[in-house]
C-alpha atoms as a PDB file:
ATOM      1  CA  MET A   1     -21.609   1.150  -0.417  1.00  0.00           C
ATOM      2  CA  LYS A   2     -24.214   3.107  -1.175  1.00  0.00           C
ATOM      3  CA  SER A   3     -25.113   4.954  -4.368  1.00  0.00           C
ATOM      4  CA  GLU A   4     -28.254   6.694  -3.821  1.00  0.00           C
ATOM      5  CA  ASN A   5     -27.881  10.292  -1.243  1.00  0.00           C
ATOM      6  CA  LEU A   6     -28.658  13.527  -1.590  1.00  0.00           C
ATOM      7  CA  TRP A   7     -25.673  14.253  -3.964  1.00  0.00           C
ATOM      8  CA  GLY A   8     -26.536  11.787  -6.202  1.00  0.00           C
ATOM      9  CA  GLN A   9     -22.828  10.662  -5.297  1.00  0.00           C
ATOM     10  CA  ALA A  10     -21.680   7.068  -5.042  1.00  0.00           C
ATOM     11  CA  VAL A  11     -20.731   6.677  -0.965  1.00  0.00           C
ATOM     12  CA  TYR A  12     -17.552   4.031  -0.815  1.00  0.00           C
ATOM     13  CA  VAL A  13     -18.600   3.349   2.509  1.00  0.00           C
ATOM     14  CA  GLN A  14     -19.000   0.627   4.807  1.00  0.00           C
ATOM     15  CA  PHE A  15     -23.061   1.408   6.247  1.00  0.00           C
ATOM     16  CA  ARG A  16     -24.413   0.297  10.244  1.00  0.00           C
ATOM     17  CA  GLU A  17     -27.171   0.811  11.973  1.00  0.00           C
ATOM     18  CA  GLU A  18     -29.003   3.902  12.325  1.00  0.00           C
ATOM     19  CA  ILE A  19     -28.538   5.439  15.045  1.00  0.00           C
ATOM     20  CA  ASP A  20     -30.007   9.285  16.154  1.00  0.00           C
ATOM     21  CA  PRO A  21     -26.591  11.529  16.234  1.00  0.00           C
ATOM     22  CA  PHE A  22     -28.523  13.693  19.381  1.00  0.00           C
ATOM     23  CA  LYS A  23     -29.478  10.866  21.837  1.00  0.00           C
ATOM     24  CA  ASP A  24     -26.569   7.805  21.385  1.00  0.00           C
ATOM     25  CA  TYR A  25     -24.042   9.578  22.192  1.00  0.00           C
ATOM     26  CA  GLN A  26     -22.169   6.880  23.414  1.00  0.00           C
ATOM     27  CA  TYR A  27     -21.323   6.411  19.742  1.00  0.00           C
ATOM     28  CA  PHE A  28     -19.059   9.353  19.316  1.00  0.00           C
ATOM     29  CA  ARG A  29     -15.819  10.274  20.958  1.00  0.00           C
ATOM     30  CA  PRO A  30     -15.520  13.436  22.925  1.00  0.00           C
ATOM     31  CA  LEU A  31     -15.807  16.882  20.859  1.00  0.00           C
ATOM     32  CA  ASN A  32     -12.217  17.578  23.188  1.00  0.00           C
ATOM     33  CA  LYS A  33     -10.251  14.239  22.495  1.00  0.00           C
ATOM     34  CA  ALA A  34      -6.880  14.804  21.386  1.00  0.00           C
ATOM     35  CA  TYR A  35      -5.454  13.503  18.038  1.00  0.00           C
ATOM     36  CA  ASN A  36      -2.796  11.060  19.460  1.00  0.00           C
ATOM     37  CA  GLY A  37      -1.505   9.971  16.426  1.00  0.00           C
ATOM     38  CA  GLU A  38      -2.602   6.354  16.530  1.00  0.00           C
ATOM     39  CA  ASN A  39      -5.884   4.827  14.563  1.00  0.00           C
ATOM     40  CA  THR A  40      -7.513   3.975  17.727  1.00  0.00           C
ATOM     41  CA  PHE A  41      -8.359   8.216  17.294  1.00  0.00           C
ATOM     42  CA  TRP A  42     -10.283   7.608  14.171  1.00  0.00           C
ATOM     43  CA  SER A  43     -12.512   4.568  15.679  1.00  0.00           C
ATOM     44  CA  LEU A  44     -15.332   6.467  16.816  1.00  0.00           C
ATOM     45  CA  PRO A  45     -16.642   9.790  14.821  1.00  0.00           C
ATOM     46  CA  SER A  46     -16.965  12.502  15.974  1.00  0.00           C
ATOM     47  CA  PRO A  47     -20.584  13.999  17.256  1.00  0.00           C
ATOM     48  CA  GLU A  48     -22.872  15.704  15.790  1.00  0.00           C
ATOM     49  CA  PRO A  49     -24.212  19.234  17.123  1.00  0.00           C
ATOM     50  CA  ASP A  50     -28.121  20.320  17.096  1.00  0.00           C
ATOM     51  CA  LEU A  51     -28.378  23.462  15.342  1.00  0.00           C
ATOM     52  CA  SER A  52     -31.477  25.251  14.944  1.00  0.00           C
ATOM     53  CA  ASP A  53     -33.893  26.474  11.920  1.00  0.00           C
ATOM     54  CA  ASP A  54     -32.974  29.556  12.321  1.00  0.00           C
ATOM     55  CA  PHE A  55     -29.057  29.042  11.676  1.00  0.00           C
ATOM     56  CA  TRP A  56     -29.893  26.484   9.169  1.00  0.00           C
ATOM     57  CA  GLU A  57     -31.691  29.147   7.303  1.00  0.00           C
ATOM     58  CA  ALA A  58     -28.390  31.826   7.653  1.00  0.00           C
ATOM     59  CA  VAL A  59     -26.608  29.006   6.471  1.00  0.00           C
ATOM     60  CA  ARG A  60     -28.783  29.249   2.864  1.00  0.00           C
ATOM     61  CA  PHE A  61     -29.302  32.634   2.868  1.00  0.00           C
ATOM     62  CA  ARG A  62     -25.024  32.766   2.605  1.00  0.00           C
ATOM     63  CA  ILE A  63     -25.177  30.358  -0.533  1.00  0.00           C
ATOM     64  CA  ASN A  64     -25.376  32.681  -3.271  1.00  0.00           C
ATOM     65  CA  ASN A  65     -22.185  34.668  -2.700  1.00  0.00           C
ATOM     66  CA  GLU A  66     -20.664  35.643  -5.856  1.00  0.00           C
ATOM     67  CA  ALA A  67     -16.455  34.834  -4.534  1.00  0.00           C
ATOM     68  CA  ILE A  68     -17.687  31.549  -3.855  1.00  0.00           C
ATOM     69  CA  LYS A  69     -18.729  31.423  -7.163  1.00  0.00           C
ATOM     70  CA  ALA A  70     -15.852  33.111  -9.197  1.00  0.00           C
ATOM     71  CA  ALA A  71     -13.731  30.443  -6.813  1.00  0.00           C
ATOM     72  CA  ALA A  72     -15.849  27.125  -8.352  1.00  0.00           C
ATOM     73  CA  CYS A  73     -15.243  29.069 -11.596  1.00  0.00           C
ATOM     74  CA  GLY A  74     -11.568  29.147 -11.233  1.00  0.00           C
ATOM     75  CA  LEU A  75     -11.261  25.465  -9.982  1.00  0.00           C
ATOM     76  CA  ALA A  76     -13.158  24.405 -12.606  1.00  0.00           C
ATOM     77  CA  TYR A  77     -10.802  26.268 -14.927  1.00  0.00           C
ATOM     78  CA  ALA A  78      -7.189  25.116 -13.237  1.00  0.00           C
ATOM     79  CA  VAL A  79      -8.532  21.728 -13.668  1.00  0.00           C
ATOM     80  CA  SER A  80      -9.718  21.691 -17.154  1.00  0.00           C
ATOM     81  CA  HIS A  81      -6.705  23.500 -18.588  1.00  0.00           C
ATOM     82  CA  TRP A  82      -5.571  19.808 -17.181  1.00  0.00           C
ATOM     83  CA  GLU A  83      -7.661  17.771 -18.475  1.00  0.00           C
ATOM     84  CA  PRO A  84     -10.328  19.018 -21.110  1.00  0.00           C
ATOM     85  CA  ASP A  85     -12.016  15.956 -21.391  1.00  0.00           C
ATOM     86  CA  GLY A  86     -15.046  15.625 -18.264  1.00  0.00           C
ATOM     87  CA  LYS A  87     -15.533  12.579 -19.380  1.00  0.00           C
ATOM     88  CA  ASN A  88     -11.711  11.247 -18.549  1.00  0.00           C
ATOM     89  CA  LEU A  89     -12.334  12.930 -14.668  1.00  0.00           C
ATOM     90  CA  VAL A  90     -13.639  10.892 -12.154  1.00  0.00           C
ATOM     91  CA  PHE A  91     -14.144  12.977  -8.680  1.00  0.00           C
ATOM     92  CA  ALA A  92     -13.249  11.596  -4.821  1.00  0.00           C
ATOM     93  CA  ALA A  93     -14.998  13.899  -2.887  1.00  0.00           C
ATOM     94  CA  ILE A  94     -14.124  13.644   0.357  1.00  0.00           C
ATOM     95  CA  LEU A  95     -15.979  13.128   3.448  1.00  0.00           C
ATOM     96  CA  ARG A  96     -17.470  16.081   4.303  1.00  0.00           C
ATOM     97  CA  ALA A  97     -16.189  18.962   2.507  1.00  0.00           C
ATOM     98  CA  GLY A  98     -15.403  17.767  -0.763  1.00  0.00           C
ATOM     99  CA  VAL A  99     -18.622  16.387  -1.438  1.00  0.00           C
ATOM    100  CA  PRO A 100     -20.286  20.174  -2.338  1.00  0.00           C
ATOM    101  CA  ILE A 101     -18.009  21.565  -4.318  1.00  0.00           C
ATOM    102  CA  ALA A 102     -17.468  18.378  -6.172  1.00  0.00           C
ATOM    103  CA  ASP A 103     -21.220  18.571  -7.186  1.00  0.00           C
ATOM    104  CA  TRP A 104     -20.487  21.685  -8.419  1.00  0.00           C
ATOM    105  CA  LEU A 105     -17.290  20.359 -10.574  1.00  0.00           C
ATOM    106  CA  CYS A 106     -19.514  17.978 -12.011  1.00  0.00           C
ATOM    107  CA  GLN A 107     -21.992  20.276 -13.183  1.00  0.00           C
ATOM    108  CA  LEU A 108     -19.341  22.910 -13.902  1.00  0.00           C
ATOM    109  CA  ILE A 109     -16.924  20.144 -15.994  1.00  0.00           C
ATOM    110  CA  PRO A 110     -19.877  17.695 -18.476  1.00  0.00           C
ATOM    111  CA  GLY A 111     -19.243  14.111 -18.659  1.00  0.00           C
ATOM    112  CA  ALA A 112     -17.157  14.111 -14.841  1.00  0.00           C
ATOM    113  CA  ALA A 113     -18.580  11.913 -12.353  1.00  0.00           C
ATOM    114  CA  ALA A 114     -18.069  12.533  -8.453  1.00  0.00           C
ATOM    115  CA  VAL A 115     -18.166   9.675  -5.957  1.00  0.00           C
ATOM    116  CA  SER A 116     -17.393  10.074  -1.996  1.00  0.00           C
ATOM    117  CA  LEU A 117     -14.767   8.860  -0.061  1.00  0.00           C
ATOM    118  CA  SER A 118     -12.720   9.297   3.394  1.00  0.00           C
ATOM    119  CA  LEU A 119      -9.591  10.187   4.035  1.00  0.00           C
ATOM    120  CA  PHE A 120      -7.730  12.067   7.309  1.00  0.00           C
ATOM    121  CA  ALA A 121      -4.928  13.928   7.715  1.00  0.00           C
ATOM    122  CA  GLY A 122      -2.306  11.497  10.169  1.00  0.00           C
ATOM    123  CA  LEU A 123      -4.480   8.589   8.445  1.00  0.00           C
ATOM    124  CA  GLY A 124      -4.194   9.169   5.425  1.00  0.00           C
ATOM    125  CA  PRO A 125      -7.487   7.827   2.617  1.00  0.00           C
ATOM    126  CA  ASP A 126      -9.451   4.744   2.398  1.00  0.00           C
ATOM    127  CA  ARG A 127      -7.191   2.190   0.921  1.00  0.00           C
ATOM    128  CA  VAL A 128     -10.242   0.215   0.141  1.00  0.00           C
ATOM    129  CA  ALA A 129     -12.016   2.505  -1.390  1.00  0.00           C
ATOM    130  CA  LEU A 130      -9.426   3.631  -3.523  1.00  0.00           C
ATOM    131  CA  GLU A 131      -8.471   0.119  -4.922  1.00  0.00           C
ATOM    132  CA  SER A 132     -12.716  -0.141  -6.092  1.00  0.00           C
ATOM    133  CA  LEU A 133     -12.923   3.457  -7.020  1.00  0.00           C
ATOM    134  CA  ARG A 134     -10.088   2.682  -9.736  1.00  0.00           C
ATOM    135  CA  GLN A 135     -11.544  -0.206 -10.423  1.00  0.00           C
ATOM    136  CA  ASN A 136     -15.111   1.021 -10.939  1.00  0.00           C
ATOM    137  CA  TYR A 137     -13.544   3.686 -13.515  1.00  0.00           C
ATOM    138  CA  PRO A 138     -10.108   2.055 -14.626  1.00  0.00           C
ATOM    139  CA  GLU A 139     -10.425   4.455 -17.731  1.00  0.00           C
ATOM    140  CA  ARG A 140     -10.831   7.894 -15.927  1.00  0.00           C
ATOM    141  CA  LYS A 141      -8.220  10.253 -14.255  1.00  0.00           C
ATOM    142  CA  ILE A 142      -8.818  10.749 -10.456  1.00  0.00           C
ATOM    143  CA  VAL A 143      -8.695  13.859  -8.494  1.00  0.00           C
ATOM    144  CA  PHE A 144      -9.490  14.222  -5.413  1.00  0.00           C
ATOM    145  CA  VAL A 145     -11.336  17.517  -4.418  1.00  0.00           C
ATOM    146  CA  ASP A 146     -11.981  19.028  -0.431  1.00  0.00           C
ATOM    147  CA  GLY A 147     -13.026  21.756   0.329  1.00  0.00           C
ATOM    148  CA  TRP A 148     -10.174  23.247   1.466  1.00  0.00           C
ATOM    149  CA  THR A 149      -6.894  23.461   2.683  1.00  0.00           C
ATOM    150  CA  GLY A 150      -5.660  24.433   6.202  1.00  0.00           C
ATOM    151  CA  ARG A 151      -2.179  23.313   7.194  1.00  0.00           C
ATOM    152  CA  GLY A 152      -1.628  21.044   3.778  1.00  0.00           C
ATOM    153  CA  GLY A 153      -2.007  17.287   6.198  1.00  0.00           C
ATOM    154  CA  VAL A 154      -4.709  16.334   2.794  1.00  0.00           C
ATOM    155  CA  SER A 155      -2.316  16.587   0.737  1.00  0.00           C
ATOM    156  CA  ARG A 156       0.512  14.777   2.409  1.00  0.00           C
ATOM    157  CA  GLU A 157      -1.067  12.448   3.201  1.00  0.00           C
ATOM    158  CA  LEU A 158      -1.657  12.000  -1.122  1.00  0.00           C
ATOM    159  CA  ALA A 159       2.135  12.265  -1.674  1.00  0.00           C
ATOM    160  CA  LYS A 160       3.028   9.550   1.015  1.00  0.00           C
ATOM    161  CA  LEU A 161       0.907   7.121  -1.490  1.00  0.00           C
ATOM    162  CA  GLY A 162       2.019   8.952  -4.916  1.00  0.00           C
ATOM    163  CA  ALA A 163      -1.632   9.773  -5.457  1.00  0.00           C
ATOM    164  CA  GLY A 164      -3.457  12.477  -6.251  1.00  0.00           C
ATOM    165  CA  PRO A 165      -3.937  15.336  -7.898  1.00  0.00           C
ATOM    166  CA  LEU A 166      -5.932  17.317  -4.818  1.00  0.00           C
ATOM    167  CA  ALA A 167      -8.502  20.130  -6.240  1.00  0.00           C
ATOM    168  CA  VAL A 168      -9.550  22.593  -3.473  1.00  0.00           C
ATOM    169  CA  LEU A 169     -12.214  25.304  -3.561  1.00  0.00           C
ATOM    170  CA  ILE A 170      -9.515  27.528  -1.460  1.00  0.00           C
ATOM    171  CA  ASP A 171      -5.701  26.901  -0.300  1.00  0.00           C
ATOM    172  CA  PRO A 172      -4.193  30.207   2.136  1.00  0.00           C
ATOM    173  CA  TRP A 173      -0.860  27.712   2.117  1.00  0.00           C
ATOM    174  CA  GLY A 174      -0.809  26.777  -1.481  1.00  0.00           C
ATOM    175  CA  TRP A 175      -0.539  22.957  -0.886  1.00  0.00           C
ATOM    176  CA  ALA A 176      -3.436  21.765  -3.760  1.00  0.00           C
ATOM    177  CA  ASP A 177      -2.859  21.335  -7.217  1.00  0.00           C
ATOM    178  CA  PHE A 178      -5.644  22.963  -8.191  1.00  0.00           C
ATOM    179  CA  SER A 179      -7.117  25.405  -6.698  1.00  0.00           C
ATOM    180  CA  GLY A 180      -9.790  28.486  -7.227  1.00  0.00           C
ATOM    181  CA  THR A 181      -8.418  30.799  -4.377  1.00  0.00           C
ATOM    182  CA  GLN A 182      -5.910  31.371  -1.973  1.00  0.00           C
ATOM    183  CA  GLU A 183      -7.716  34.027  -0.441  1.00  0.00           C
ATOM    184  CA  ASP A 184      -9.014  32.626   3.083  1.00  0.00           C
ATOM    185  CA  ILE A 185     -12.591  33.837   2.212  1.00  0.00           C
ATOM    186  CA  PHE A 186     -15.676  32.088   4.376  1.00  0.00           C
ATOM    187  CA  CYS A 187     -17.395  29.134   2.088  1.00  0.00           C
ATOM    188  CA  PRO A 188     -20.883  28.377   3.886  1.00  0.00           C
ATOM    189  CA  THR A 189     -20.518  24.790   2.975  1.00  0.00           C
ATOM    190  CA  ALA A 190     -18.029  24.992   5.824  1.00  0.00           C
ATOM    191  CA  CYS A 191     -21.166  24.766   7.852  1.00  0.00           C
ATOM    192  CA  PHE A 192     -22.862  21.460   6.412  1.00  0.00           C
ATOM    193  CA  THR A 193     -23.326  18.391   9.571  1.00  0.00           C
ATOM    194  CA  GLY A 194     -23.452  14.874   8.488  1.00  0.00           C
ATOM    195  CA  ALA A 195     -27.612  15.165   9.799  1.00  0.00           C
ATOM    196  CA  ALA A 196     -28.266  17.804   7.728  1.00  0.00           C
ATOM    197  CA  THR A 197     -26.561  17.264   4.076  1.00  0.00           C
ATOM    198  CA  LEU A 198     -25.761  13.620   4.244  1.00  0.00           C
ATOM    199  CA  GLY A 199     -27.266  11.365   6.810  1.00  0.00           C
ATOM    200  CA  PHE A 200     -24.587   9.419   7.719  1.00  0.00           C
ATOM    201  CA  SER A 201     -21.504   9.880  10.586  1.00  0.00           C
ATOM    202  CA  ARG A 202     -18.221  10.897   9.994  1.00  0.00           C
ATOM    203  CA  THR A 203     -16.119   8.294   9.118  1.00  0.00           C
ATOM    204  CA  PHE A 204     -14.037   5.478  10.908  1.00  0.00           C
ATOM    205  CA  TYR A 205     -11.449   3.598  10.453  1.00  0.00           C
ATOM    206  CA  VAL A 206     -12.379  -0.433  10.971  1.00  0.00           C
ATOM    207  CA  ASP A 207      -9.152  -1.711   9.353  1.00  0.00           C
ATOM    208  CA  ASP A 208      -7.121  -2.621   6.582  1.00  0.00           C
ATOM    209  CA  LYS A 209      -8.749  -4.651   4.532  1.00  0.00           C
ATOM    210  CA  SER A 210     -12.302  -3.001   5.359  1.00  0.00           C
ATOM    211  CA  LEU A 211     -14.525   0.571   3.947  1.00  0.00           C
ATOM    212  CA  PHE A 212     -14.756   3.478   6.373  1.00  0.00           C
ATOM    213  CA  ALA A 213     -17.481   2.907   8.483  1.00  0.00           C
ATOM    214  CA  ALA A 214     -20.357   5.305   8.617  1.00  0.00           C
ATOM    215  CA  TYR A 215     -23.930   5.341  10.791  1.00  0.00           C
ATOM    216  CA  ARG A 216     -26.552   6.284   8.915  1.00  0.00           C
ATOM    217  CA  PHE A 217     -29.228   9.178  10.358  1.00  0.00           C
ATOM    218  CA  PRO A 218     -32.326   9.534  10.325  1.00  0.00           C
ATOM    219  CA  ARG A 219     -33.548  10.829   7.277  1.00  0.00           C
ATOM    220  CA  LYS A 220     -35.888  13.636   9.359  1.00  0.00           C
ATOM    221  CA  TYR A 221     -33.084  15.232  10.003  1.00  0.00           C
ATOM    222  CA  CYS A 222     -31.532  16.034   6.872  1.00  0.00           C
ATOM    223  CA  ARG A 223     -32.643  19.395   5.335  1.00  0.00           C
ATOM    224  CA  GLU A 224     -32.851  18.675   1.493  1.00  0.00           C
ATOM    225  CA  GLU A 225     -33.525  22.151   1.211  1.00  0.00           C
ATOM    226  CA  LEU A 226     -30.365  22.717   1.943  1.00  0.00           C
ATOM    227  CA  VAL A 227     -28.762  20.883  -0.415  1.00  0.00           C
ATOM    228  CA  ARG A 228     -30.501  21.680  -3.103  1.00  0.00           C
ATOM    229  CA  THR A 229     -30.203  25.369  -2.862  1.00  0.00           C
ATOM    230  CA  TRP A 230     -26.379  24.542  -3.488  1.00  0.00           C
ATOM    231  CA  ARG A 231     -26.906  22.757  -6.051  1.00  0.00           C
ATOM    232  CA  MET A 232     -29.429  25.313  -7.748  1.00  0.00           C
ATOM    233  CA  ASN A 233     -26.624  28.292  -6.979  1.00  0.00           C
ATOM    234  CA  CYS A 234     -24.091  26.226  -8.826  1.00  0.00           C
ATOM    235  CA  PRO A 235     -22.469  28.923 -11.675  1.00  0.00           C
ATOM    236  CA  GLU A 236     -23.195  28.335 -15.615  1.00  0.00           C
ATOM    237  CA  PRO A 237     -20.480  25.715 -17.362  1.00  0.00           C
ATOM    238  CA  GLY A 238     -19.987  28.766 -19.538  1.00  0.00           C
ATOM    239  CA  THR A 239     -18.562  31.171 -17.229  1.00  0.00           C
ATOM    240  CA  VAL A 240     -14.936  28.699 -16.913  1.00  0.00           C
ATOM    241  CA  SER A 241     -13.315  30.153 -18.759  1.00  0.00           C
ATOM    242  CA  ALA A 242     -13.525  33.989 -17.680  1.00  0.00           C
ATOM    243  CA  LYS A 243     -11.696  32.464 -14.359  1.00  0.00           C
ATOM    244  CA  ALA A 244      -8.451  31.604 -13.430  1.00  0.00           C
ATOM    245  CA  GLY A 245      -7.598  29.417 -11.321  1.00  0.00           C
ATOM    246  CA  PHE A 246      -4.551  28.527  -9.546  1.00  0.00           C
ATOM    247  CA  THR A 247      -2.401  25.398 -11.019  1.00  0.00           C
ATOM    248  CA  HIS A 248       1.750  25.880  -9.146  1.00  0.00           C
ATOM    249  CA  PRO A 249       1.211  25.588  -5.880  1.00  0.00           C
ATOM    250  CA  ALA A 250       3.017  28.022  -3.510  1.00  0.00           C
ATOM    251  CA  TYR A 251       4.116  25.918  -0.544  1.00  0.00           C
ATOM    252  CA  PHE A 252       3.768  28.291   2.292  1.00  0.00           C
ATOM    253  CA  PHE A 253       3.786  27.046   5.915  1.00  0.00           C
ATOM    254  CA  LYS A 254       4.459  28.101   9.037  1.00  0.00           C
ATOM    255  CA  GLU A 255       4.356  25.772  12.772  1.00  0.00           C
ATOM    256  CA  THR A 256       1.378  27.029  15.000  1.00  0.00           C
ATOM    257  CA  SER A 257      -1.074  24.597  17.315  1.00  0.00           C
ATOM    258  CA  LEU A 258      -3.766  27.220  16.261  1.00  0.00           C
ATOM    259  CA  ARG A 259      -6.501  25.806  13.570  1.00  0.00           C
ATOM    260  CA  LEU A 260      -5.897  28.236  10.853  1.00  0.00           C
ATOM    261  CA  HIS A 261      -8.464  29.791   8.886  1.00  0.00           C
ATOM    262  CA  SER A 262     -11.982  30.472   8.643  1.00  0.00           C
ATOM    263  CA  ASN A 263     -13.310  27.115   6.959  1.00  0.00           C
ATOM    264  CA  GLU A 264     -11.077  25.201   9.705  1.00  0.00           C
ATOM    265  CA  VAL A 265     -12.300  26.833  12.901  1.00  0.00           C
ATOM    266  CA  CYS A 266     -15.283  26.212  11.524  1.00  0.00           C
ATOM    267  CA  ARG A 267     -14.881  23.026  11.305  1.00  0.00           C
ATOM    268  CA  ALA A 268     -13.604  23.134  14.605  1.00  0.00           C
ATOM    269  CA  LEU A 269     -16.848  24.951  16.173  1.00  0.00           C
ATOM    270  CA  ILE A 270     -18.931  22.117  14.808  1.00  0.00           C
ATOM    271  CA  ASN A 271     -16.649  18.729  15.354  1.00  0.00           C
ATOM    272  CA  ALA A 272     -13.750  19.886  17.914  1.00  0.00           C
ATOM    273  CA  ALA A 273     -13.254  21.896  21.462  1.00  0.00           C
ATOM    274  CA  PRO A 274     -11.930  25.553  20.624  1.00  0.00           C
ATOM    275  CA  GLU A 275     -11.040  27.444  23.677  1.00  0.00           C
ATOM    276  CA  THR A 276     -10.662  31.198  21.561  1.00  0.00           C
ATOM    277  CA  ILE A 277     -11.196  32.079  18.061  1.00  0.00           C
ATOM    278  CA  TYR A 278      -8.780  34.878  16.876  1.00  0.00           C
ATOM    279  CA  PHE A 279      -9.609  36.926  14.130  1.00  0.00           C
ATOM    280  CA  LEU A 280      -7.391  38.965  11.923  1.00  0.00           C
ATOM    281  CA  HIS A 281     -10.102  42.617  11.761  1.00  0.00           C
ATOM    282  CA  ASP A 282     -12.270  44.344  13.860  1.00  0.00           C
ATOM    283  CA  ALA A 283     -16.034  43.742  15.388  1.00  0.00           C
ATOM    284  CA  ALA A 284     -17.440  45.184  12.558  1.00  0.00           C
ATOM    285  CA  TYR A 285     -15.658  43.153   9.140  1.00  0.00           C
ATOM    286  CA  VAL A 286     -15.924  40.146  11.030  1.00  0.00           C
ATOM    287  CA  ARG A 287     -19.584  40.403  11.373  1.00  0.00           C
ATOM    288  CA  GLU A 288     -19.583  41.403   7.811  1.00  0.00           C
ATOM    289  CA  HIS A 289     -18.155  38.294   6.872  1.00  0.00           C
ATOM    290  CA  TYR A 290     -18.373  35.774   9.267  1.00  0.00           C
ATOM    291  CA  PRO A 291     -22.058  36.009  10.584  1.00  0.00           C
ATOM    292  CA  LEU A 292     -22.369  32.161  10.504  1.00  0.00           C
ATOM    293  CA  LEU A 293     -19.274  31.747  12.889  1.00  0.00           C
ATOM    294  CA  LEU A 294     -20.029  34.220  15.128  1.00  0.00           C
ATOM    295  CA  LEU A 295     -23.800  32.553  15.629  1.00  0.00           C
ATOM    296  CA  LEU A 296     -21.050  29.198  16.329  1.00  0.00           C
ATOM    297  CA  ALA A 297     -19.407  30.684  18.968  1.00  0.00           C
ATOM    298  CA  ASP A 298     -22.060  32.133  20.758  1.00  0.00           C
ATOM    299  CA  ARG A 299     -23.406  29.113  20.908  1.00  0.00           C
ATOM    300  CA  ARG A 300     -20.218  26.916  21.852  1.00  0.00           C
ATOM    301  CA  ASN A 301     -19.257  30.128  24.458  1.00  0.00           C
ATOM    302  CA  VAL A 302     -16.137  30.390  22.674  1.00  0.00           C
ATOM    303  CA  LYS A 303     -14.532  33.558  23.906  1.00  0.00           C
ATOM    304  CA  ILE A 304     -13.608  36.526  20.184  1.00  0.00           C
ATOM    305  CA  ILE A 305     -10.664  38.134  19.630  1.00  0.00           C
ATOM    306  CA  TYR A 306     -10.412  40.714  17.412  1.00  0.00           C
ATOM    307  CA  ASN A 307      -7.146  43.181  15.698  1.00  0.00           C
ATOM    308  CA  VAL A 308      -5.124  39.925  16.056  1.00  0.00           C
ATOM    309  CA  ARG A 309      -2.881  41.481  13.057  1.00  0.00           C
ATOM    310  CA  GLU A 310      -0.098  38.578  14.074  1.00  0.00           C
ATOM    311  CA  LEU A 311      -1.910  36.303  11.840  1.00  0.00           C
ATOM    312  CA  LYS A 312      -0.790  37.336   8.768  1.00  0.00           C
ATOM    313  CA  SER A 313       2.237  36.055   9.241  1.00  0.00           C
ATOM    314  CA  TYR A 314      -0.241  32.883   8.782  1.00  0.00           C
ATOM    315  CA  ARG A 315      -1.377  34.072   5.880  1.00  0.00           C
ATOM    316  CA  THR A 316      -5.111  33.972   7.314  1.00  0.00           C
ATOM    317  CA  ARG A 317      -8.038  36.043   8.836  1.00  0.00           C
ATOM    318  CA  ALA A 318      -8.796  33.337  11.324  1.00  0.00           C
ATOM    319  CA  ALA A 319      -7.495  31.577  13.965  1.00  0.00           C
ATOM    320  CA  CYS A 320      -8.972  29.388  17.529  1.00  0.00           C
ATOM    321  CA  SER A 321      -7.230  27.220  20.232  1.00  0.00           C
ATOM    322  CA  LEU A 322      -8.527  24.016  20.928  1.00  0.00           C
ATOM    323  CA  GLN A 323      -9.180  22.414  24.012  1.00  0.00           C
ATOM    324  CA  ASN A 324      -7.633  19.041  24.450  1.00  0.00           C
ATOM    325  CA  THR A 325      -7.356  15.955  26.913  1.00  0.00           C
END
């Protein structure tokens, strides 16, 4: 466990040696490796993209986003309505997407604490980390925090253990207990990588008796200004009561092989192998609302199809198919 990091959150992880994410490829699984239902899939971290300075500046430029701030206020309001005293809360930020959201929640709900731990759909949470968290914060209610929901996998993993609640910024299908919005809006933190904003790899499974592990990355790859920009753009705590979040999940579900929702498409462009990206709207709308997705797609030479009206029935504005082996 490491307590000093860019986000000021204790990280419940077993840290391994330092490796170079852009040279030591043997430590990572292939981008097109598909989940096969076995724990061995999680025994290697996904690789890290070496993104340009221009790309990171484009991400930083889009952090000051009123829709995201409004969603964060809504989420904080929903959590505060459930537990008004922040001193009774500890946020379990799910690595990686939950970390920036938990950071804002701690700023918006004074007295709340946050730690980071691992949870994978198909494998569940790091149970060793979860037990340590309960021992370290015995008087606080644990709220799991993620950036967004896809098809409800994280929610179902928590339900298996009777754990939760789950709080997310963006929840198009209504699987979280608390959310800031159910619109498929894009959050720039979906672009955040371990090398740029954490200093360590995606975590990976070791065994049932150990914390999930991670490889350290050289500090030179950290984009500290990017992290500072996010943290500084958190709305003022006094604005929370003006926004209403969602506390009653809708539990929508529709079977599909596609990766759904704009933030999940972004993650696929970061650590998987998208074959085709589909957008609900036309090219002009996409250029305005999803420019970072277009930059990532261009980098990976991924085919794009616009005006796919069928996506509306999936409550999504973006989706992608994957190349898998």
